[in-house]
Amino acid sequence: MNQTTFHDLYVRYAPDVYRFALWLSGSPVEADDITSETFVRAWAGRRKIRTETVKAYLFAIARNLFLKQQRRQKRQVALVQSANYTHSGPHGVVEDRLALNEVLAQLQNLSESERAALLLRVQHELPYEEIARVLEISLSAAKVKVHRARLKLAKIRAAWEV
C-alpha cells in the first residue's frame, strides 16, 4: 500500500468500518478507536490481504480488535443511540429514535458472532463466503449464524408486538 492507496482505502471504507464497530461495541468512542486501529493494523501489516475483498479484510481486523477489547474489559457494553435522523416534524424524529432503540435492544439479545454475521450480511451485503472468512468459520456455519440471528430477531419482534 502506498500513501495514496491507503488514503483512498481509508476514505472509502472508514465509514463502513466505523458503523460495523459501532453496532458491535455500542459505543461511539470505542467505534472510533476500533476504526483507527483497524487502519493502522492494515497499514502496518503490509502483507498480502488474505480475503477476496479489502472490505472483508478490514471487517475481520475490526472484529478481532473488538473481541480483544471484550476479553480485556470482561463486561457487556450497552448500545448507545448515535444516529441523527432529519425527518419532518418532531413526531417523525421521536418515532425514528424509538424504532432505533428497539432494534439496538433486539440486537443485544444475539450472541456476538450472530450479531456480527447478521450485520455483515444485512448492513454490508457481504456474501456468505466473505462472512465465513471474517468470522473464521465454515461457509455452512456462516449461513446458520445469519439464519439463527434472523429467527431470533423475528421471535423477539413478535413478542414485542403482542
Protein backbone atom coordinates (compact mmCIF):
# COMPACT_ATOMS: atom_id res chain seq x y z
CA MET A 1 0.00 0.00 0.00
CA ASN A 2 1.31 3.45 -0.77
CA GLN A 3 0.01 6.63 0.88
CA THR A 4 -2.41 7.45 -1.91
CA THR A 5 -3.86 3.96 -1.87
CA PHE A 6 -4.02 4.00 1.92
CA HIS A 7 -5.81 7.36 1.88
CA ASP A 8 -8.22 6.14 -0.78
CA LEU A 9 -8.94 2.98 1.21
CA TYR A 10 -9.50 4.97 4.36
CA VAL A 11 -11.86 7.43 2.69
CA ARG A 12 -13.76 4.61 1.01
CA TYR A 13 -14.04 2.12 3.88
CA ALA A 14 -13.73 4.07 7.14
CA PRO A 15 -17.46 4.87 7.37
CA ASP A 16 -18.36 1.18 6.88
CA VAL A 17 -15.77 0.01 9.41
CA TYR A 18 -16.97 2.63 11.89
CA ARG A 19 -20.64 1.59 11.52
CA PHE A 20 -19.69 -2.06 11.92
CA ALA A 21 -17.62 -1.28 15.03
CA LEU A 22 -20.42 0.88 16.44
CA TRP A 23 -23.01 -1.86 16.04
CA LEU A 24 -20.65 -4.37 17.63
CA SER A 25 -19.44 -2.25 20.53
CA GLY A 26 -22.35 0.11 21.10
CA SER A 27 -20.01 2.96 21.89
CA PRO A 28 -19.09 5.79 19.51
CA VAL A 29 -15.79 6.24 21.37
CA GLU A 30 -14.90 2.54 21.09
CA ALA A 31 -16.00 2.52 17.44
CA ASP A 32 -13.63 5.43 16.74
CA ASP A 33 -10.78 3.59 18.45
CA ILE A 34 -11.51 0.33 16.63
CA THR A 35 -11.76 2.11 13.27
CA SER A 36 -8.46 3.93 13.76
CA GLU A 37 -6.69 0.83 14.99
CA THR A 38 -8.09 -1.22 12.10
CA PHE A 39 -6.48 1.04 9.52
CA VAL A 40 -3.24 1.27 11.49
CA ARG A 41 -3.01 -2.52 11.57
CA ALA A 42 -3.91 -2.84 7.88
CA TRP A 43 -1.20 -0.30 7.06
CA ALA A 44 1.42 -1.72 9.41
CA GLY A 45 0.77 -5.28 8.29
CA ARG A 46 1.58 -4.52 4.67
CA ARG A 47 1.18 -8.17 3.86
CA LYS A 48 -0.97 -9.71 1.23
CA ILE A 49 -4.64 -9.47 2.11
CA ARG A 50 -5.95 -12.97 2.78
CA THR A 51 -9.58 -12.31 1.83
CA GLU A 52 -11.08 -11.64 -1.55
CA THR A 53 -12.15 -8.12 -0.69
CA VAL A 54 -10.43 -5.36 1.20
CA LYS A 55 -13.71 -4.56 2.95
CA ALA A 56 -13.97 -8.06 4.43
CA TYR A 57 -10.31 -7.91 5.49
CA LEU A 58 -10.91 -4.63 7.31
CA PHE A 59 -14.06 -6.03 8.97
CA ALA A 60 -12.06 -9.04 10.16
CA ILE A 61 -9.46 -6.75 11.74
CA ALA A 62 -12.18 -4.61 13.34
CA ARG A 63 -13.97 -7.66 14.74
CA ASN A 64 -10.75 -9.11 16.14
CA LEU A 65 -9.98 -5.78 17.82
CA PHE A 66 -13.49 -5.69 19.28
CA LEU A 67 -13.16 -9.25 20.60
CA LYS A 68 -9.75 -8.45 22.09
CA GLN A 69 -11.26 -5.41 23.77
CA GLN A 70 -14.18 -7.52 25.06
CA ARG A 71 -11.80 -10.03 26.60
CA ARG A 72 -9.82 -7.23 28.20
CA GLN A 73 -12.85 -5.46 29.66
CA LYS A 74 -14.78 -8.60 30.64
CA ARG A 75 -18.05 -6.72 30.64
CA GLN A 76 -21.07 -6.28 28.43
CA VAL A 77 -21.37 -2.93 26.65
CA ALA A 78 -24.80 -1.39 26.15
CA LEU A 79 -25.53 0.09 22.74
CA VAL A 80 -25.85 3.85 22.59
CA GLN A 81 -28.01 5.68 20.10
CA SER A 82 -25.91 7.80 17.77
CA ALA A 83 -27.94 8.14 14.57
CA ASN A 84 -29.29 11.53 13.59
CA TYR A 85 -32.44 11.49 11.53
CA THR A 86 -33.88 14.52 9.82
CA HIS A 87 -37.49 13.60 9.16
CA SER A 88 -40.08 16.32 9.08
CA GLY A 89 -41.57 17.19 12.41
CA PRO A 90 -40.81 16.12 15.93
CA HIS A 91 -43.11 13.08 15.72
CA GLY A 92 -41.05 11.55 12.94
CA VAL A 93 -37.83 12.08 14.89
CA VAL A 94 -39.32 10.52 18.02
CA GLU A 95 -40.66 7.53 16.08
CA ASP A 96 -37.31 7.00 14.37
CA ARG A 97 -35.42 7.14 17.67
CA LEU A 98 -37.84 4.73 19.33
CA ALA A 99 -37.53 2.32 16.40
CA LEU A 100 -33.74 2.56 16.51
CA ASN A 101 -33.68 1.92 20.25
CA GLU A 102 -35.89 -1.13 19.74
CA VAL A 103 -33.61 -2.55 17.05
CA LEU A 104 -30.49 -1.88 19.12
CA ALA A 105 -32.04 -3.61 22.14
CA GLN A 106 -33.03 -6.58 19.98
CA LEU A 107 -29.50 -6.88 18.57
CA GLN A 108 -28.10 -7.05 22.10
CA ASN A 109 -30.08 -10.30 22.60
CA LEU A 110 -27.93 -12.00 19.95
CA SER A 111 -24.54 -13.52 20.61
CA GLU A 112 -21.59 -11.50 19.30
CA SER A 113 -20.95 -13.94 16.47
CA GLU A 114 -24.61 -13.97 15.39
CA ARG A 115 -24.76 -10.17 15.58
CA ALA A 116 -21.55 -9.83 13.54
CA ALA A 117 -22.73 -12.35 10.93
CA LEU A 118 -26.11 -10.63 10.56
CA LEU A 119 -24.58 -7.16 10.31
CA LEU A 120 -22.05 -8.28 7.70
CA ARG A 121 -24.82 -9.87 5.63
CA VAL A 122 -27.60 -7.29 6.00
CA GLN A 123 -25.84 -3.99 6.55
CA HIS A 124 -22.73 -4.57 4.47
CA GLU A 125 -24.17 -7.09 1.97
CA LEU A 126 -21.16 -9.40 2.13
CA PRO A 127 -21.55 -12.84 0.56
CA TYR A 128 -21.59 -15.80 2.92
CA GLU A 129 -18.10 -16.81 1.79
CA GLU A 130 -16.69 -13.48 3.00
CA ILE A 131 -18.66 -13.67 6.24
CA ALA A 132 -17.14 -17.08 6.86
CA ARG A 133 -13.64 -15.67 6.27
CA VAL A 134 -14.22 -12.65 8.52
CA LEU A 135 -15.61 -14.79 11.37
CA GLU A 136 -13.13 -17.62 10.68
CA ILE A 137 -15.88 -20.24 10.44
CA SER A 138 -17.10 -22.59 7.73
CA LEU A 139 -19.43 -21.44 4.97
CA SER A 140 -22.30 -23.53 6.34
CA ALA A 141 -21.73 -22.16 9.85
CA ALA A 142 -21.93 -18.60 8.47
CA LYS A 143 -25.25 -19.38 6.81
CA VAL A 144 -26.56 -20.96 10.01
CA LYS A 145 -25.48 -17.97 12.14
CA VAL A 146 -27.26 -15.49 9.86
CA HIS A 147 -30.36 -17.69 9.72
CA ARG A 148 -30.47 -18.16 13.51
CA ALA A 149 -29.98 -14.46 14.10
CA ARG A 150 -32.89 -13.66 11.80
CA LEU A 151 -35.08 -16.24 13.53
CA LYS A 152 -34.21 -14.90 16.99
CA LEU A 153 -34.91 -11.32 15.93
CA ALA A 154 -38.23 -12.35 14.38
CA LYS A 155 -39.20 -14.14 17.60
CA ILE A 156 -38.20 -11.14 19.74
CA ARG A 157 -40.04 -8.76 17.44
CA ALA A 158 -43.19 -10.91 17.55
CA ALA A 159 -43.06 -10.92 21.35
CA TRP A 160 -42.66 -7.11 21.45
CA GLU A 161 -45.60 -6.57 19.10
CA VAL A 162 -48.00 -8.60 21.25
